[in-house]
């Protein structure tokens, strides 16, 4: 047989309120901890900014991968390297060579040309 809240005495009602508040608090705390566990591996961490005269270069860490992010204006290129594929962060930095950056510049120029062509085509500015 169920006992309804209005059938409790006053002190029992207060005890019930307290128990319900406590249960609600524990549920909220559990939800917070579970969401922290599931999102813990999906946080992008900025490891290092690498100074360069032309590009903005950043080393990031995300989901057990190092990410080399190279930006120029409104365009960016990302290179993902598994943490287990390299021995150290210094090894990743060595991969950012003048040859790589020269090739990135060529791709940035191609990206801009492609974007401008599509932009003009879709805004009837040809």
Protein backbone atom coordinates (compact mmCIF):
# COMPACT_ATOMS: atom_id res chain seq x y z
CA UNK A 1 0.00 0.00 0.00
CA UNK A 2 1.33 3.43 -0.95
CA UNK A 3 1.56 6.25 1.52
CA UNK A 4 0.88 9.62 -0.08
CA UNK A 5 2.78 12.76 1.02
CA UNK A 6 -0.25 14.42 2.60
CA UNK A 7 -0.73 11.37 4.83
CA UNK A 8 2.60 11.98 6.62
CA UNK A 9 2.88 13.83 9.84
CA UNK A 10 4.66 17.19 9.71
CA UNK A 11 8.08 15.88 10.79
CA UNK A 12 7.78 12.96 8.37
CA UNK A 13 6.98 15.41 5.55
CA UNK A 14 10.14 17.37 6.38
CA UNK A 15 12.15 14.17 6.45
CA UNK A 16 10.70 13.18 3.07
CA UNK A 17 11.52 16.62 1.63
CA UNK A 18 15.05 16.33 2.93
CA UNK A 19 15.45 12.84 1.43
CA UNK A 20 14.09 13.99 -1.94
CA UNK A 21 16.44 16.99 -1.97
CA UNK A 22 19.36 14.75 -1.09
CA UNK A 23 18.45 12.27 -3.83
CA UNK A 24 18.15 15.10 -6.35
CA UNK A 25 21.54 16.46 -5.28
CA UNK A 26 23.16 13.02 -5.62
CA UNK A 27 21.64 12.50 -9.05
CA UNK A 28 22.94 15.89 -10.22
CA UNK A 29 26.39 15.13 -8.83
CA UNK A 30 26.45 11.73 -10.57
CA UNK A 31 25.39 13.30 -13.85
CA UNK A 32 28.13 15.93 -13.52
CA UNK A 33 30.79 13.32 -12.85
CA UNK A 34 29.64 11.07 -15.69
CA UNK A 35 29.62 13.93 -18.18
CA UNK A 36 33.12 14.92 -17.00
CA UNK A 37 34.34 11.37 -17.64
CA UNK A 38 32.88 11.26 -21.15
CA UNK A 39 34.07 14.71 -22.19
CA UNK A 40 37.50 14.42 -20.57
CA UNK A 41 39.13 12.90 -23.67
CA UNK A 42 37.51 15.35 -26.05
CA UNK A 43 39.01 18.59 -24.78
CA UNK A 44 41.27 20.38 -27.22
CA UNK A 45 44.39 21.57 -25.43
CA UNK A 46 46.70 24.21 -26.80
CA UNK A 47 50.21 22.92 -26.20
CA UNK A 48 52.28 25.58 -27.87
CA UNK A 49 52.20 28.60 -30.19
CA UNK A 50 55.10 28.51 -32.62
CA UNK A 51 56.12 32.00 -33.73
CA UNK A 52 56.35 32.56 -37.48
CA UNK A 53 56.47 35.72 -39.59
CA UNK A 54 53.75 34.65 -42.02
CA UNK A 55 51.63 31.91 -40.44
CA UNK A 56 49.93 31.35 -37.12
CA UNK A 57 51.17 27.92 -36.07
CA UNK A 58 49.76 26.06 -33.07
CA UNK A 59 50.37 22.64 -31.60
CA UNK A 60 47.24 21.14 -30.09
CA UNK A 61 46.35 17.91 -28.36
CA UNK A 62 43.01 16.22 -28.92
CA UNK A 63 41.81 12.63 -28.58
CA UNK A 64 45.31 11.08 -28.30
CA UNK A 65 46.55 13.02 -31.33
CA UNK A 66 48.87 15.94 -31.83
CA UNK A 67 47.42 18.49 -34.22
CA UNK A 68 49.57 20.95 -36.12
CA UNK A 69 47.32 23.88 -37.04
CA UNK A 70 48.63 26.35 -39.62
CA UNK A 71 46.55 29.46 -40.31
CA UNK A 72 46.86 32.18 -42.90
CA UNK A 73 44.08 34.76 -42.95
CA UNK A 74 40.69 33.07 -43.03
CA UNK A 75 42.08 29.67 -44.06
CA UNK A 76 43.68 26.93 -42.00
CA UNK A 77 45.28 23.55 -42.52
CA UNK A 78 45.45 20.78 -39.94
CA UNK A 79 47.83 17.87 -39.71
CA UNK A 80 46.98 15.10 -37.24
CA UNK A 81 49.66 12.84 -35.80
CA UNK A 82 48.90 10.02 -33.38
CA UNK A 83 50.69 10.35 -30.05
CA UNK A 84 51.98 6.79 -30.46
CA UNK A 85 53.42 7.56 -33.93
CA UNK A 86 56.05 9.93 -32.55
CA UNK A 87 58.45 9.74 -29.64
CA UNK A 88 58.14 13.31 -28.41
CA UNK A 89 56.62 16.70 -29.02
CA UNK A 90 60.00 17.94 -30.26
CA UNK A 91 59.76 15.38 -33.06
CA UNK A 92 56.45 16.91 -34.13
CA UNK A 93 58.00 20.39 -34.08
CA UNK A 94 60.84 19.19 -36.32
CA UNK A 95 58.25 18.11 -38.90
CA UNK A 96 57.26 21.76 -39.35
CA UNK A 97 60.01 22.39 -41.86
CA UNK A 98 60.44 25.27 -44.36
CA UNK A 99 59.52 22.81 -47.12
CA UNK A 100 56.23 21.93 -45.39
CA UNK A 101 55.42 25.60 -44.88
CA UNK A 102 56.22 26.39 -48.52
CA UNK A 103 53.81 23.66 -49.63
CA UNK A 104 51.21 24.99 -47.19
CA UNK A 105 51.51 28.43 -48.74
CA UNK A 106 50.84 26.95 -52.20
CA UNK A 107 47.75 25.18 -50.86
CA UNK A 108 46.56 28.39 -49.17
CA UNK A 109 46.80 30.21 -52.50
CA UNK A 110 44.84 27.40 -54.19
CA UNK A 111 42.26 27.44 -51.39
CA UNK A 112 41.76 31.19 -51.77
CA UNK A 113 41.41 30.91 -55.56
CA UNK A 114 38.87 28.08 -55.23
CA UNK A 115 36.91 30.01 -52.62
CA UNK A 116 36.86 33.24 -54.64
CA UNK A 117 35.67 31.38 -57.74
CA UNK A 118 32.83 29.67 -55.83
CA UNK A 119 31.93 32.87 -54.02
CA UNK A 120 31.67 34.81 -57.27
CA UNK A 121 29.73 32.01 -58.96
CA UNK A 122 27.19 31.81 -56.14
CA UNK A 123 26.79 35.56 -55.73
CA UNK A 124 26.52 36.14 -59.52
CA UNK A 125 29.61 38.31 -59.64
CA UNK A 126 31.34 36.59 -62.60
